[in-house]
Structures are given as structure tokens and as C-alpha cells.
Amino acid sequence: MAKMQDNQIVIQDEDGNEHLIEVIFTYENEHRNKKYVFFVNPDNEEEIMVMSYDDSGELNEIDDEEFKEAEEVLSAFEDERLEEGE
């Protein structure tokens, strides 16, 4: 279970421990009617993770097709940030 607030997500692991996660950005795929969130892995801050989420804030794993699309979206996001000079 996850709760999204501003640019952070509070997630609960299998052991019931809560972790505060930094959200990088979100996007919606209207064709699939799904929303996705990109965030920093709490165990490895160099790794960016992506999951889908629903209106209640529940995070869900994504399939291979969604992951491939997410890689392209992330690449475009990073290119745009570079162009803006961030």
C-alpha cells in the first residue's frame, strides 16, 4: 500500500515498515487508461523505479511492454531536463 503526497510516496514493505520515497515524475497513458510513477529506489538511490498506480494510490508492478514504454518516457524526460539545463 502506498500514499502519494506532493513529490513523495510512503510505501509499506512486506514487514510493515514504512519508507518515504522521492517521486521523480508521473505520467498517464490514456490508451491503457493507466497512471505511472517514477521514483528513486530506497535501497539504491542511483536506481529509478517505475510502477503503475490507481486512484486510491495502490502501486502495482508493470509488465514487460509497459516497462519498455516507461524506459522511453524516462529517456525523453531526461533529455528534456538536459535541454532545460537542470
Protein backbone atom coordinates (compact mmCIF):
# COMPACT_ATOMS: atom_id res chain seq x y z
CA MET A 1 0.00 0.00 0.00
CA ALA A 2 1.24 3.50 -0.79
CA LYS A 3 0.14 7.02 -0.05
CA MET A 4 1.11 9.73 -2.52
CA GLN A 5 1.72 13.24 -1.20
CA ASP A 6 3.35 16.07 -3.13
CA ASN A 7 6.62 14.67 -4.50
CA GLN A 8 6.83 11.80 -2.05
CA ILE A 9 5.29 8.38 -1.55
CA VAL A 10 5.07 6.47 1.71
CA ILE A 11 5.25 2.76 0.94
CA GLN A 12 4.92 -0.18 3.26
CA ASP A 13 7.10 -3.24 2.73
CA GLU A 14 6.24 -6.88 3.43
CA ASP A 15 7.34 -6.48 7.05
CA GLY A 16 5.08 -3.47 7.66
CA ASN A 17 7.93 -0.95 7.67
CA GLU A 18 7.18 2.40 6.04
CA HIS A 19 9.63 4.07 3.64
CA LEU A 20 9.48 7.62 2.32
CA ILE A 21 10.22 7.60 -1.41
CA GLU A 22 11.00 10.60 -3.62
CA VAL A 23 8.82 10.85 -6.73
CA ILE A 24 10.64 11.99 -9.86
CA PHE A 25 7.55 12.39 -12.05
CA THR A 26 4.27 10.77 -13.05
CA TYR A 27 2.55 10.28 -16.37
CA GLU A 28 -0.66 8.84 -17.72
CA ASN A 29 -1.11 6.54 -20.71
CA GLU A 30 -4.60 7.32 -22.00
CA HIS A 31 -4.55 4.31 -24.38
CA ARG A 32 -4.13 1.92 -21.44
CA ASN A 33 -6.06 4.18 -19.07
CA LYS A 34 -3.25 3.77 -16.51
CA LYS A 35 -1.08 6.11 -14.46
CA TYR A 36 2.61 5.58 -13.76
CA VAL A 37 5.02 6.94 -11.18
CA PHE A 38 8.81 7.10 -11.46
CA PHE A 39 10.64 7.17 -8.13
CA VAL A 40 14.03 6.60 -6.56
CA ASN A 41 14.69 3.11 -5.19
CA PRO A 42 15.00 3.44 -1.39
CA ASP A 43 17.72 0.76 -1.30
CA ASN A 44 19.77 2.26 -4.14
CA GLU A 45 19.33 6.00 -4.74
CA GLU A 46 21.02 5.69 -8.14
CA GLU A 47 18.24 3.39 -9.40
CA ILE A 48 14.97 4.75 -10.77
CA MET A 49 11.92 2.52 -10.45
CA VAL A 50 8.51 2.73 -12.13
CA MET A 51 5.15 1.29 -11.15
CA SER A 52 1.57 1.90 -12.13
CA TYR A 53 -0.87 3.29 -9.59
CA ASP A 54 -4.62 3.63 -9.24
CA ASP A 55 -6.84 6.39 -7.87
CA SER A 56 -6.55 5.01 -4.34
CA GLY A 57 -2.73 5.23 -4.52
CA GLU A 58 -2.19 1.47 -4.73
CA LEU A 59 1.09 0.69 -6.52
CA ASN A 60 1.23 -2.19 -9.00
CA GLU A 61 4.02 -3.96 -10.87
CA ILE A 62 4.19 -3.32 -14.61
CA ASP A 63 4.59 -5.85 -17.42
CA ASP A 64 7.41 -6.02 -19.99
CA GLU A 65 5.54 -3.95 -22.59
CA GLU A 66 4.81 -1.22 -20.04
CA PHE A 67 8.43 -1.31 -18.86
CA LYS A 68 9.73 -0.81 -22.40
CA GLU A 69 7.42 2.19 -22.82
CA ALA A 70 8.47 3.52 -19.41
CA GLU A 71 12.14 3.40 -20.46
CA GLU A 72 11.31 5.54 -23.49
CA VAL A 73 9.31 8.01 -21.37
CA LEU A 74 12.15 8.26 -18.84
CA SER A 75 14.69 8.83 -21.62
CA ALA A 76 12.55 11.63 -23.09
CA PHE A 77 12.12 13.14 -19.61
CA GLU A 78 15.88 13.11 -19.00
CA ASP A 79 16.57 14.59 -22.46
CA GLU A 80 14.10 17.39 -21.74
CA ARG A 81 15.75 18.13 -18.39
CA LEU A 82 19.15 18.32 -20.07
CA GLU A 83 17.82 20.74 -22.67
CA GLU A 84 16.40 22.91 -19.89
CA GLY A 85 19.78 22.91 -18.17
CA GLU A 86 18.85 21.10 -14.98
